[in-house]
């Protein structure tokens, strides 16, 4: 387990924490392995954008979908953009469902979540995934009922905010009935950490093969862990600070 600013973290957390009441997780990459051909997905969406008459070379498959669609919105009229959004949603849904067919919750997650429940914590998910994928994978592990709130893009539809997951996280906290200072936010991507910081939550970055370089470079997290297996121990340590 690692964290930055070791000499000042105790002081920072003691000021921010009221009492830890909730743990809120990102989903894809954090609770389940990331299994989607996102480059192929982005290229297909860019091809759809090109059908509107916009030059294909203006868009890069290296960029996140939300960035690509935001740029398209700036260049298209409302009618064309509405059509593009519907087509993009169909493409995203297809790739997500294909990835979910042979996917499953990470080994050990069930036990971790049960441990957190025994610590009297409320549990939430905030994710850009569609609800059907989250439901499918949680049902495989009999975990739907353990969560007190699950917020997906079916609940919050906005691809165009700079801090896209902030609205998702705030919606989740509203459903949980907790304040940001009472919450630990766990995710594998800088946008998860950014959302957590903006609500004054304690933020935990999870080291994954896909995003660890971005997390380490960003360094906005309070804690960086190698596996979510460390979450119960980490929360216990935070409570004791």
C-alpha atoms as a PDB file:
ATOM      1  CA  UNK A   1       0.000   0.000   0.000  1.00  0.00           C
ATOM      2  CA  UNK A   2       1.327   3.397  -0.957  1.00  0.00           C
ATOM      3  CA  UNK A   3       0.268   6.969  -0.429  1.00  0.00           C
ATOM      4  CA  UNK A   4       1.726  10.334  -1.274  1.00  0.00           C
ATOM      5  CA  UNK A   5       2.838  13.095   1.094  1.00  0.00           C
ATOM      6  CA  UNK A   6       3.455  10.625   3.903  1.00  0.00           C
ATOM      7  CA  UNK A   7       4.345  13.302   6.464  1.00  0.00           C
ATOM      8  CA  UNK A   8       1.109  15.215   6.038  1.00  0.00           C
ATOM      9  CA  UNK A   9      -1.494  12.579   5.147  1.00  0.00           C
ATOM     10  CA  UNK A  10      -2.581  11.997   8.744  1.00  0.00           C
ATOM     11  CA  UNK A  11      -3.212  15.701   9.252  1.00  0.00           C
ATOM     12  CA  UNK A  12      -5.087  15.990   5.945  1.00  0.00           C
ATOM     13  CA  UNK A  13      -7.352  13.051   6.658  1.00  0.00           C
ATOM     14  CA  UNK A  14      -8.073  14.010  10.270  1.00  0.00           C
ATOM     15  CA  UNK A  15      -9.400  17.352   9.044  1.00  0.00           C
ATOM     16  CA  UNK A  16     -11.482  15.867   6.238  1.00  0.00           C
ATOM     17  CA  UNK A  17     -13.044  12.799   7.835  1.00  0.00           C
ATOM     18  CA  UNK A  18     -16.318  13.058   9.754  1.00  0.00           C
ATOM     19  CA  UNK A  19     -16.803   9.307   9.888  1.00  0.00           C
ATOM     20  CA  UNK A  20     -16.422   6.748   7.135  1.00  0.00           C
ATOM     21  CA  UNK A  21     -19.939   5.700   6.194  1.00  0.00           C
ATOM     22  CA  UNK A  22     -19.623   4.554   2.587  1.00  0.00           C
ATOM     23  CA  UNK A  23     -17.309   2.966   0.055  1.00  0.00           C
ATOM     24  CA  UNK A  24     -18.083   3.803  -3.573  1.00  0.00           C
ATOM     25  CA  UNK A  25     -16.468   1.833  -6.388  1.00  0.00           C
ATOM     26  CA  UNK A  26     -15.830   2.334 -10.057  1.00  0.00           C
ATOM     27  CA  UNK A  27     -16.899  -0.838 -11.875  1.00  0.00           C
ATOM     28  CA  UNK A  28     -14.999  -1.667 -15.074  1.00  0.00           C
ATOM     29  CA  UNK A  29     -11.347  -2.282 -14.216  1.00  0.00           C
ATOM     30  CA  UNK A  30     -11.938  -2.038 -10.474  1.00  0.00           C
ATOM     31  CA  UNK A  31     -14.511  -4.708  -9.588  1.00  0.00           C
ATOM     32  CA  UNK A  32     -14.317  -6.572 -12.896  1.00  0.00           C
ATOM     33  CA  UNK A  33     -11.407  -6.899 -15.341  1.00  0.00           C
ATOM     34  CA  UNK A  34     -11.498  -4.527 -18.288  1.00  0.00           C
ATOM     35  CA  UNK A  35     -12.393  -6.710 -21.272  1.00  0.00           C
ATOM     36  CA  UNK A  36     -13.445  -4.594 -24.200  1.00  0.00           C
ATOM     37  CA  UNK A  37     -11.797  -3.795 -27.528  1.00  0.00           C
ATOM     38  CA  UNK A  38     -11.973  -0.064 -26.903  1.00  0.00           C
ATOM     39  CA  UNK A  39      -9.753   0.862 -29.873  1.00  0.00           C
ATOM     40  CA  UNK A  40     -12.078  -0.955 -32.279  1.00  0.00           C
ATOM     41  CA  UNK A  41     -15.032   0.684 -30.529  1.00  0.00           C
ATOM     42  CA  UNK A  42     -13.563   4.172 -30.898  1.00  0.00           C
ATOM     43  CA  UNK A  43     -12.700   3.565 -34.556  1.00  0.00           C
ATOM     44  CA  UNK A  44     -16.255   2.458 -35.308  1.00  0.00           C
ATOM     45  CA  UNK A  45     -17.662   5.595 -33.682  1.00  0.00           C
ATOM     46  CA  UNK A  46     -15.214   7.745 -35.651  1.00  0.00           C
ATOM     47  CA  UNK A  47     -16.424   6.029 -38.834  1.00  0.00           C
ATOM     48  CA  UNK A  48     -19.987   6.987 -37.893  1.00  0.00           C
ATOM     49  CA  UNK A  49     -18.848  10.581 -37.360  1.00  0.00           C
ATOM     50  CA  UNK A  50     -17.235  10.541 -40.813  1.00  0.00           C
ATOM     51  CA  UNK A  51     -20.615   9.591 -42.312  1.00  0.00           C
ATOM     52  CA  UNK A  52     -21.892  13.017 -41.188  1.00  0.00           C
ATOM     53  CA  UNK A  53     -19.333  14.660 -43.470  1.00  0.00           C
ATOM     54  CA  UNK A  54     -16.767  15.582 -40.835  1.00  0.00           C
ATOM     55  CA  UNK A  55     -13.182  14.655 -41.786  1.00  0.00           C
ATOM     56  CA  UNK A  56     -12.201  11.354 -40.191  1.00  0.00           C
ATOM     57  CA  UNK A  57      -8.646  12.606 -39.665  1.00  0.00           C
ATOM     58  CA  UNK A  58      -9.954  15.194 -37.189  1.00  0.00           C
ATOM     59  CA  UNK A  59     -10.560  12.422 -34.660  1.00  0.00           C
ATOM     60  CA  UNK A  60      -8.115  10.097 -32.916  1.00  0.00           C
ATOM     61  CA  UNK A  61      -8.940   6.586 -31.671  1.00  0.00           C
ATOM     62  CA  UNK A  62      -6.483   7.178 -28.820  1.00  0.00           C
ATOM     63  CA  UNK A  63      -8.897   9.669 -27.262  1.00  0.00           C
ATOM     64  CA  UNK A  64     -11.694   8.603 -24.907  1.00  0.00           C
ATOM     65  CA  UNK A  65     -15.159   8.366 -26.430  1.00  0.00           C
ATOM     66  CA  UNK A  66     -16.434  11.296 -24.367  1.00  0.00           C
ATOM     67  CA  UNK A  67     -13.677  13.512 -25.861  1.00  0.00           C
ATOM     68  CA  UNK A  68     -14.473  12.431 -29.404  1.00  0.00           C
ATOM     69  CA  UNK A  69     -18.217  12.975 -28.982  1.00  0.00           C
ATOM     70  CA  UNK A  70     -17.680  16.337 -27.297  1.00  0.00           C
ATOM     71  CA  UNK A  71     -15.603  17.473 -30.278  1.00  0.00           C
ATOM     72  CA  UNK A  72     -18.257  16.209 -32.696  1.00  0.00           C
ATOM     73  CA  UNK A  73     -20.949  18.125 -30.809  1.00  0.00           C
ATOM     74  CA  UNK A  74     -19.003  21.344 -31.320  1.00  0.00           C
ATOM     75  CA  UNK A  75     -19.034  20.770 -35.102  1.00  0.00           C
ATOM     76  CA  UNK A  76     -22.451  19.236 -35.818  1.00  0.00           C
ATOM     77  CA  UNK A  77     -25.957  20.630 -35.751  1.00  0.00           C
ATOM     78  CA  UNK A  78     -28.370  19.353 -33.106  1.00  0.00           C
ATOM     79  CA  UNK A  79     -30.228  16.964 -35.414  1.00  0.00           C
ATOM     80  CA  UNK A  80     -27.065  15.266 -36.724  1.00  0.00           C
ATOM     81  CA  UNK A  81     -25.634  15.087 -33.230  1.00  0.00           C
ATOM     82  CA  UNK A  82     -28.778  13.479 -31.869  1.00  0.00           C
ATOM     83  CA  UNK A  83     -28.570  10.818 -34.577  1.00  0.00           C
ATOM     84  CA  UNK A  84     -24.871  10.277 -33.888  1.00  0.00           C
ATOM     85  CA  UNK A  85     -25.485   9.886 -30.138  1.00  0.00           C
ATOM     86  CA  UNK A  86     -28.068   7.174 -30.783  1.00  0.00           C
ATOM     87  CA  UNK A  87     -25.710   5.339 -33.136  1.00  0.00           C
ATOM     88  CA  UNK A  88     -22.797   5.691 -30.728  1.00  0.00           C
ATOM     89  CA  UNK A  89     -24.930   4.320 -27.888  1.00  0.00           C
ATOM     90  CA  UNK A  90     -25.790   1.233 -29.943  1.00  0.00           C
ATOM     91  CA  UNK A  91     -22.116   0.643 -30.755  1.00  0.00           C
ATOM     92  CA  UNK A  92     -21.021   1.092 -27.142  1.00  0.00           C
ATOM     93  CA  UNK A  93     -23.766  -1.221 -25.902  1.00  0.00           C
ATOM     94  CA  UNK A  94     -22.671  -3.923 -28.352  1.00  0.00           C
ATOM     95  CA  UNK A  95     -18.997  -3.808 -27.350  1.00  0.00           C
ATOM     96  CA  UNK A  96     -19.802  -3.730 -23.638  1.00  0.00           C
ATOM     97  CA  UNK A  97     -22.117  -6.716 -23.857  1.00  0.00           C
ATOM     98  CA  UNK A  98     -19.603  -8.663 -25.949  1.00  0.00           C
ATOM     99  CA  UNK A  99     -16.925  -7.973 -23.360  1.00  0.00           C
ATOM    100  CA  UNK A 100     -19.230  -9.010 -20.517  1.00  0.00           C
ATOM    101  CA  UNK A 101     -20.083 -12.405 -21.995  1.00  0.00           C
ATOM    102  CA  UNK A 102     -16.765 -13.911 -20.954  1.00  0.00           C
ATOM    103  CA  UNK A 103     -16.105 -11.690 -17.959  1.00  0.00           C
ATOM    104  CA  UNK A 104     -16.698 -12.038 -14.223  1.00  0.00           C
ATOM    105  CA  UNK A 105     -16.196 -10.151 -10.981  1.00  0.00           C
ATOM    106  CA  UNK A 106     -12.576 -10.260  -9.819  1.00  0.00           C
ATOM    107  CA  UNK A 107     -11.798 -13.194  -7.519  1.00  0.00           C
ATOM    108  CA  UNK A 108     -12.177 -12.215  -3.875  1.00  0.00           C
ATOM    109  CA  UNK A 109     -14.462  -9.222  -4.475  1.00  0.00           C
ATOM    110  CA  UNK A 110     -17.467 -10.948  -2.869  1.00  0.00           C
ATOM    111  CA  UNK A 111     -15.579 -11.519   0.371  1.00  0.00           C
ATOM    112  CA  UNK A 112     -14.237  -7.965   0.375  1.00  0.00           C
ATOM    113  CA  UNK A 113     -17.695  -6.466  -0.049  1.00  0.00           C
ATOM    114  CA  UNK A 114     -19.128  -8.686   2.694  1.00  0.00           C
ATOM    115  CA  UNK A 115     -16.331  -7.557   5.000  1.00  0.00           C
ATOM    116  CA  UNK A 116     -17.127  -3.915   4.281  1.00  0.00           C
ATOM    117  CA  UNK A 117     -20.790  -4.581   5.012  1.00  0.00           C
ATOM    118  CA  UNK A 118     -19.788  -6.100   8.351  1.00  0.00           C
ATOM    119  CA  UNK A 119     -17.997  -2.803   9.032  1.00  0.00           C
ATOM    120  CA  UNK A 120     -21.420  -1.121   8.663  1.00  0.00           C
ATOM    121  CA  UNK A 121     -20.478   0.669   5.464  1.00  0.00           C
ATOM    122  CA  UNK A 122     -22.907   1.543   2.706  1.00  0.00           C
ATOM    123  CA  UNK A 123     -21.717   0.364  -0.695  1.00  0.00           C
ATOM    124  CA  UNK A 124     -22.134   2.063  -4.044  1.00  0.00           C
ATOM    125  CA  UNK A 125     -21.055   1.853  -7.672  1.00  0.00           C
ATOM    126  CA  UNK A 126     -20.620   4.792 -10.066  1.00  0.00           C
ATOM    127  CA  UNK A 127     -19.834   3.732 -13.592  1.00  0.00           C
ATOM    128  CA  UNK A 128     -20.015   4.796 -17.219  1.00  0.00           C
ATOM    129  CA  UNK A 129     -21.174   1.277 -18.092  1.00  0.00           C
ATOM    130  CA  UNK A 130     -24.752   0.501 -19.040  1.00  0.00           C
ATOM    131  CA  UNK A 131     -26.983  -1.011 -16.353  1.00  0.00           C
ATOM    132  CA  UNK A 132     -27.549  -4.303 -18.209  1.00  0.00           C
ATOM    133  CA  UNK A 133     -23.806  -5.096 -18.173  1.00  0.00           C
ATOM    134  CA  UNK A 134     -23.414  -4.234 -14.491  1.00  0.00           C
ATOM    135  CA  UNK A 135     -26.498  -6.275 -13.605  1.00  0.00           C
ATOM    136  CA  UNK A 136     -25.310  -9.243 -15.683  1.00  0.00           C
ATOM    137  CA  UNK A 137     -21.889  -9.412 -14.042  1.00  0.00           C
ATOM    138  CA  UNK A 138     -23.095  -8.737 -10.502  1.00  0.00           C
ATOM    139  CA  UNK A 139     -25.811 -11.371 -10.856  1.00  0.00           C
ATOM    140  CA  UNK A 140     -23.186 -13.947 -11.831  1.00  0.00           C
ATOM    141  CA  UNK A 141     -21.638 -13.393  -8.393  1.00  0.00           C
ATOM    142  CA  UNK A 142     -24.944 -12.833  -6.521  1.00  0.00           C
ATOM    143  CA  UNK A 143     -23.836  -9.312  -5.615  1.00  0.00           C
ATOM    144  CA  UNK A 144     -26.595  -7.003  -6.876  1.00  0.00           C
ATOM    145  CA  UNK A 145     -28.327  -6.857  -3.497  1.00  0.00           C
ATOM    146  CA  UNK A 146     -25.180  -6.062  -1.516  1.00  0.00           C
ATOM    147  CA  UNK A 147     -24.997  -2.571  -3.057  1.00  0.00           C
ATOM    148  CA  UNK A 148     -27.097   0.225  -1.635  1.00  0.00           C
ATOM    149  CA  UNK A 149     -26.808   2.347  -4.794  1.00  0.00           C
ATOM    150  CA  UNK A 150     -25.712   1.648  -8.371  1.00  0.00           C
ATOM    151  CA  UNK A 151     -25.425   4.579 -10.776  1.00  0.00           C
ATOM    152  CA  UNK A 152     -24.811   3.825 -14.455  1.00  0.00           C
ATOM    153  CA  UNK A 153     -25.023   5.892 -17.617  1.00  0.00           C
ATOM    154  CA  UNK A 154     -28.684   4.899 -17.813  1.00  0.00           C
ATOM    155  CA  UNK A 155     -29.175   7.007 -14.678  1.00  0.00           C
ATOM    156  CA  UNK A 156     -26.969   9.956 -15.672  1.00  0.00           C
ATOM    157  CA  UNK A 157     -26.715  10.722 -19.351  1.00  0.00           C
ATOM    158  CA  UNK A 158     -23.974  13.246 -20.078  1.00  0.00           C
ATOM    159  CA  UNK A 159     -20.942  12.474 -22.257  1.00  0.00           C
ATOM    160  CA  UNK A 160     -19.842  16.090 -22.435  1.00  0.00           C
ATOM    161  CA  UNK A 161     -18.789  17.258 -18.965  1.00  0.00           C
ATOM    162  CA  UNK A 162     -15.079  17.748 -18.392  1.00  0.00           C
ATOM    163  CA  UNK A 163     -15.339  15.938 -15.054  1.00  0.00           C
ATOM    164  CA  UNK A 164     -17.733  13.413 -16.484  1.00  0.00           C
ATOM    165  CA  UNK A 165     -17.935  11.104 -13.464  1.00  0.00           C
ATOM    166  CA  UNK A 166     -18.575  13.890 -10.949  1.00  0.00           C
ATOM    167  CA  UNK A 167     -22.312  13.896 -11.675  1.00  0.00           C
ATOM    168  CA  UNK A 168     -22.344  10.099 -11.427  1.00  0.00           C
ATOM    169  CA  UNK A 169     -20.614  10.198  -8.063  1.00  0.00           C
ATOM    170  CA  UNK A 170     -22.832  12.937  -6.666  1.00  0.00           C
ATOM    171  CA  UNK A 171     -25.905  11.014  -7.792  1.00  0.00           C
ATOM    172  CA  UNK A 172     -24.584   7.903  -6.046  1.00  0.00           C
ATOM    173  CA  UNK A 173     -23.898   9.774  -2.800  1.00  0.00           C
ATOM    174  CA  UNK A 174     -27.386  11.256  -2.939  1.00  0.00           C
ATOM    175  CA  UNK A 175     -28.864   7.759  -3.149  1.00  0.00           C
ATOM    176  CA  UNK A 176     -26.637   6.604  -0.286  1.00  0.00           C
ATOM    177  CA  UNK A 177     -27.462   9.629   1.845  1.00  0.00           C
ATOM    178  CA  UNK A 178     -23.850  10.399   2.716  1.00  0.00           C
ATOM    179  CA  UNK A 179     -21.481  13.350   2.404  1.00  0.00           C
ATOM    180  CA  UNK A 180     -18.278  13.272   0.384  1.00  0.00           C
ATOM    181  CA  UNK A 181     -16.196  13.610   3.545  1.00  0.00           C
ATOM    182  CA  UNK A 182     -17.790  10.423   4.846  1.00  0.00           C
ATOM    183  CA  UNK A 183     -16.891   8.455   1.721  1.00  0.00           C
ATOM    184  CA  UNK A 184     -13.998   6.470   0.291  1.00  0.00           C
ATOM    185  CA  UNK A 185     -13.916   6.416  -3.526  1.00  0.00           C
ATOM    186  CA  UNK A 186     -12.094   3.520  -5.191  1.00  0.00           C
ATOM    187  CA  UNK A 187     -11.195   3.439  -8.877  1.00  0.00           C
ATOM    188  CA  UNK A 188      -8.549   2.477 -11.408  1.00  0.00           C
ATOM    189  CA  UNK A 189      -8.553   5.644 -13.534  1.00  0.00           C
ATOM    190  CA  UNK A 190      -7.669   9.308 -12.880  1.00  0.00           C
ATOM    191  CA  UNK A 191     -11.251  10.394 -13.686  1.00  0.00           C
ATOM    192  CA  UNK A 192     -12.461   8.305 -10.732  1.00  0.00           C
ATOM    193  CA  UNK A 193      -9.935   9.977  -8.463  1.00  0.00           C
ATOM    194  CA  UNK A 194     -10.730  13.433  -9.845  1.00  0.00           C
ATOM    195  CA  UNK A 195     -14.426  12.998  -9.085  1.00  0.00           C
ATOM    196  CA  UNK A 196     -13.605  11.831  -5.560  1.00  0.00           C
ATOM    197  CA  UNK A 197     -11.329  14.780  -4.898  1.00  0.00           C
ATOM    198  CA  UNK A 198     -14.001  17.233  -6.050  1.00  0.00           C
ATOM    199  CA  UNK A 199     -16.398  15.968  -3.370  1.00  0.00           C
ATOM    200  CA  UNK A 200     -13.658  15.878  -0.679  1.00  0.00           C
ATOM    201  CA  UNK A 201     -13.727  12.092  -0.409  1.00  0.00           C
ATOM    202  CA  UNK A 202     -10.766   9.916   0.491  1.00  0.00           C
ATOM    203  CA  UNK A 203      -9.531   8.557  -2.842  1.00  0.00           C
ATOM    204  CA  UNK A 204      -7.965   5.184  -3.539  1.00  0.00           C
ATOM    205  CA  UNK A 205      -6.335   4.312  -6.842  1.00  0.00           C
ATOM    206  CA  UNK A 206      -6.213   0.624  -7.748  1.00  0.00           C
ATOM    207  CA  UNK A 207      -3.133  -0.505  -9.660  1.00  0.00           C
ATOM    208  CA  UNK A 208      -4.244  -2.222 -12.886  1.00  0.00           C
ATOM    209  CA  UNK A 209      -2.229  -3.124 -15.998  1.00  0.00           C
ATOM    210  CA  UNK A 210      -4.289  -0.750 -18.147  1.00  0.00           C
ATOM    211  CA  UNK A 211      -4.230   2.446 -16.099  1.00  0.00           C
ATOM    212  CA  UNK A 212      -1.418   2.331 -13.547  1.00  0.00           C
ATOM    213  CA  UNK A 213       0.869   4.640 -15.548  1.00  0.00           C
ATOM    214  CA  UNK A 214      -1.869   7.289 -15.734  1.00  0.00           C
ATOM    215  CA  UNK A 215      -2.612   6.947 -12.025  1.00  0.00           C
ATOM    216  CA  UNK A 216       1.052   7.234 -11.021  1.00  0.00           C
ATOM    217  CA  UNK A 217       1.585  10.206 -13.318  1.00  0.00           C
ATOM    218  CA  UNK A 218      -1.557  11.951 -12.067  1.00  0.00           C
ATOM    219  CA  UNK A 219      -0.758  11.351  -8.350  1.00  0.00           C
ATOM    220  CA  UNK A 220      -3.973  12.924  -7.075  1.00  0.00           C
ATOM    221  CA  UNK A 221      -5.001   9.888  -5.062  1.00  0.00           C
ATOM    222  CA  UNK A 222      -4.640   9.677  -1.296  1.00  0.00           C
ATOM    223  CA  UNK A 223      -3.749   5.990  -1.474  1.00  0.00           C
ATOM    224  CA  UNK A 224      -2.521   3.713  -4.250  1.00  0.00           C
ATOM    225  CA  UNK A 225      -3.042  -0.013  -3.750  1.00  0.00           C
ATOM    226  CA  UNK A 226      -1.973  -3.036  -5.780  1.00  0.00           C
ATOM    227  CA  UNK A 227      -5.243  -4.906  -5.268  1.00  0.00           C
ATOM    228  CA  UNK A 228      -8.701  -4.201  -3.879  1.00  0.00           C
ATOM    229  CA  UNK A 229      -7.944  -7.013  -1.417  1.00  0.00           C
ATOM    230  CA  UNK A 230      -6.250  -4.231   0.575  1.00  0.00           C
ATOM    231  CA  UNK A 231      -9.416  -2.137   0.914  1.00  0.00           C
ATOM    232  CA  UNK A 232     -10.727  -3.449   4.275  1.00  0.00           C
ATOM    233  CA  UNK A 233      -7.318  -3.036   5.927  1.00  0.00           C
ATOM    234  CA  UNK A 234      -6.890   0.409   4.401  1.00  0.00           C
ATOM    235  CA  UNK A 235     -10.272   1.601   5.671  1.00  0.00           C
ATOM    236  CA  UNK A 236      -9.490   0.276   9.125  1.00  0.00           C
ATOM    237  CA  UNK A 237      -6.195   2.186   9.141  1.00  0.00           C
ATOM    238  CA  UNK A 238      -7.903   5.385   7.981  1.00  0.00           C
ATOM    239  CA  UNK A 239     -10.479   5.082  10.753  1.00  0.00           C
ATOM    240  CA  UNK A 240      -7.663   4.709  13.295  1.00  0.00           C
ATOM    241  CA  UNK A 241      -5.789   7.836  12.127  1.00  0.00           C
END
